[in-house]
Amino acid sequence: MSLGVSGIPPPKAVQTALVEATSSPSSFGYSRWDGELDLRQALVSEMKVVYGEGSDINIDDVALTSGCNLAFVAVIMAIADTGDEVILPVPW
């Protein structure tokens, strides 16, 4: 929820759902490092709709992050080694 269209509030149903979710004690705490299982499975299901049921993707292929910065850090940590130079072209 770190990026949005300024000046345009979310729909009322979303606002209501957020209020309900944040008032529940079970909403507080840390999630799994690779994202919530149900959300990851939903993404896999959606990708199979888009790319076909025969697509070779499963829940172990998916990780969700809290925004693009964490995704970028995860990718760099996975592919770069100590001492590697990483160049970020503008715009980054």
C-alpha atoms as a PDB file:
ATOM      1  CA  MET A   1       0.000   0.000   0.000  1.00  0.00           C
ATOM      2  CA  SER A   2       2.963   2.296  -0.526  1.00  0.00           C
ATOM      3  CA  LEU A   3       1.978   3.429  -3.990  1.00  0.00           C
ATOM      4  CA  GLY A   4      -1.309   4.848  -5.177  1.00  0.00           C
ATOM      5  CA  VAL A   5      -3.030   7.553  -7.102  1.00  0.00           C
ATOM      6  CA  SER A   6      -2.879  10.682  -4.995  1.00  0.00           C
ATOM      7  CA  GLY A   7      -6.165  12.466  -4.510  1.00  0.00           C
ATOM      8  CA  ILE A   8      -8.274   9.405  -5.317  1.00  0.00           C
ATOM      9  CA  PRO A   9      -9.381   7.438  -2.251  1.00  0.00           C
ATOM     10  CA  PRO A  10      -9.863   3.680  -2.443  1.00  0.00           C
ATOM     11  CA  PRO A  11     -13.436   2.425  -2.982  1.00  0.00           C
ATOM     12  CA  LYS A  12     -15.664   2.387   0.125  1.00  0.00           C
ATOM     13  CA  ALA A  13     -15.668  -1.434   0.187  1.00  0.00           C
ATOM     14  CA  VAL A  14     -11.855  -1.440   0.374  1.00  0.00           C
ATOM     15  CA  GLN A  15     -11.868   1.168   3.141  1.00  0.00           C
ATOM     16  CA  THR A  16     -14.373  -0.892   5.145  1.00  0.00           C
ATOM     17  CA  ALA A  17     -12.385  -4.105   4.652  1.00  0.00           C
ATOM     18  CA  LEU A  18      -9.193  -2.346   5.804  1.00  0.00           C
ATOM     19  CA  VAL A  19     -10.883  -1.066   8.963  1.00  0.00           C
ATOM     20  CA  GLU A  20     -12.179  -4.548   9.761  1.00  0.00           C
ATOM     21  CA  ALA A  21      -8.835  -6.214   9.060  1.00  0.00           C
ATOM     22  CA  THR A  22      -6.813  -3.758  11.132  1.00  0.00           C
ATOM     23  CA  SER A  23      -9.159  -4.058  14.113  1.00  0.00           C
ATOM     24  CA  SER A  24      -8.492  -7.795  14.416  1.00  0.00           C
ATOM     25  CA  PRO A  25      -5.614  -8.885  16.698  1.00  0.00           C
ATOM     26  CA  SER A  26      -4.809 -11.670  14.212  1.00  0.00           C
ATOM     27  CA  SER A  27      -3.846  -8.991  11.661  1.00  0.00           C
ATOM     28  CA  PHE A  28      -0.735  -8.033  13.595  1.00  0.00           C
ATOM     29  CA  GLY A  29       2.574  -9.808  13.279  1.00  0.00           C
ATOM     30  CA  TYR A  30       4.979 -10.926  10.622  1.00  0.00           C
ATOM     31  CA  SER A  31       4.090 -12.868   7.526  1.00  0.00           C
ATOM     32  CA  ARG A  32       6.125 -15.642   5.968  1.00  0.00           C
ATOM     33  CA  TRP A  33       9.355 -14.485   4.339  1.00  0.00           C
ATOM     34  CA  ASP A  34       8.035 -15.491   0.901  1.00  0.00           C
ATOM     35  CA  GLY A  35       4.472 -14.182   1.324  1.00  0.00           C
ATOM     36  CA  GLU A  36       1.158 -15.567   2.509  1.00  0.00           C
ATOM     37  CA  LEU A  37       0.435 -19.055   1.167  1.00  0.00           C
ATOM     38  CA  ASP A  38      -3.151 -18.297   0.095  1.00  0.00           C
ATOM     39  CA  LEU A  39      -2.068 -15.206  -1.819  1.00  0.00           C
ATOM     40  CA  ARG A  40       0.807 -17.048  -3.493  1.00  0.00           C
ATOM     41  CA  GLN A  41      -1.547 -19.885  -4.520  1.00  0.00           C
ATOM     42  CA  ALA A  42      -4.043 -17.364  -5.911  1.00  0.00           C
ATOM     43  CA  LEU A  43      -1.246 -15.822  -7.987  1.00  0.00           C
ATOM     44  CA  VAL A  44      -0.225 -19.244  -9.320  1.00  0.00           C
ATOM     45  CA  SER A  45      -3.866 -19.944 -10.236  1.00  0.00           C
ATOM     46  CA  GLU A  46      -4.149 -16.602 -12.039  1.00  0.00           C
ATOM     47  CA  MET A  47      -0.920 -17.220 -13.953  1.00  0.00           C
ATOM     48  CA  LYS A  48      -2.276 -20.596 -15.089  1.00  0.00           C
ATOM     49  CA  VAL A  49      -5.386 -18.824 -16.414  1.00  0.00           C
ATOM     50  CA  VAL A  50      -3.242 -16.314 -18.281  1.00  0.00           C
ATOM     51  CA  TYR A  51      -0.499 -18.660 -19.520  1.00  0.00           C
ATOM     52  CA  GLY A  52      -2.445 -21.931 -19.669  1.00  0.00           C
ATOM     53  CA  GLU A  53      -3.084 -24.798 -17.269  1.00  0.00           C
ATOM     54  CA  GLY A  54       0.011 -26.575 -18.577  1.00  0.00           C
ATOM     55  CA  SER A  55       2.250 -23.736 -17.386  1.00  0.00           C
ATOM     56  CA  ASP A  56       5.168 -25.020 -15.351  1.00  0.00           C
ATOM     57  CA  ILE A  57       4.642 -22.855 -12.273  1.00  0.00           C
ATOM     58  CA  ASN A  58       3.836 -23.813  -8.717  1.00  0.00           C
ATOM     59  CA  ILE A  59       3.671 -22.145  -5.341  1.00  0.00           C
ATOM     60  CA  ASP A  60       7.377 -22.785  -4.697  1.00  0.00           C
ATOM     61  CA  ASP A  61       8.214 -20.597  -7.721  1.00  0.00           C
ATOM     62  CA  VAL A  62       6.456 -17.545  -6.242  1.00  0.00           C
ATOM     63  CA  ALA A  63       7.582 -15.089  -3.580  1.00  0.00           C
ATOM     64  CA  LEU A  64       5.724 -11.896  -2.725  1.00  0.00           C
ATOM     65  CA  THR A  65       7.289  -8.797  -1.232  1.00  0.00           C
ATOM     66  CA  SER A  66       6.033  -5.607   0.379  1.00  0.00           C
ATOM     67  CA  GLY A  67       6.718  -3.369  -2.582  1.00  0.00           C
ATOM     68  CA  CYS A  68       9.256  -3.113  -5.351  1.00  0.00           C
ATOM     69  CA  ASN A  69      12.208  -2.163  -3.157  1.00  0.00           C
ATOM     70  CA  LEU A  70      12.117  -5.458  -1.273  1.00  0.00           C
ATOM     71  CA  ALA A  71      11.664  -7.364  -4.540  1.00  0.00           C
ATOM     72  CA  PHE A  72      14.700  -5.597  -5.997  1.00  0.00           C
ATOM     73  CA  VAL A  73      16.805  -6.394  -2.925  1.00  0.00           C
ATOM     74  CA  ALA A  74      15.726 -10.062  -3.067  1.00  0.00           C
ATOM     75  CA  VAL A  75      16.659 -10.343  -6.744  1.00  0.00           C
ATOM     76  CA  ILE A  76      20.048  -8.665  -6.281  1.00  0.00           C
ATOM     77  CA  MET A  77      20.819 -10.872  -3.274  1.00  0.00           C
ATOM     78  CA  ALA A  78      19.931 -13.943  -5.338  1.00  0.00           C
ATOM     79  CA  ILE A  79      22.045 -13.123  -8.402  1.00  0.00           C
ATOM     80  CA  ALA A  80      24.940 -10.942  -7.196  1.00  0.00           C
ATOM     81  CA  ASP A  81      27.965 -12.136  -5.298  1.00  0.00           C
ATOM     82  CA  THR A  82      30.117 -10.257  -2.802  1.00  0.00           C
ATOM     83  CA  GLY A  83      32.179  -7.690  -4.695  1.00  0.00           C
ATOM     84  CA  ASP A  84      29.954  -7.668  -7.802  1.00  0.00           C
ATOM     85  CA  GLU A  85      29.128  -4.269  -9.247  1.00  0.00           C
ATOM     86  CA  VAL A  86      25.469  -3.550  -9.900  1.00  0.00           C
ATOM     87  CA  ILE A  87      24.586  -0.648 -12.180  1.00  0.00           C
ATOM     88  CA  LEU A  88      21.196   1.029 -11.860  1.00  0.00           C
ATOM     89  CA  PRO A  89      20.311   2.972 -15.003  1.00  0.00           C
ATOM     90  CA  VAL A  90      18.145   6.072 -14.653  1.00  0.00           C
ATOM     91  CA  PRO A  91      15.247   6.003 -14.029  1.00  0.00           C
ATOM     92  CA  TRP A  92      15.654   3.414 -11.316  1.00  0.00           C
END
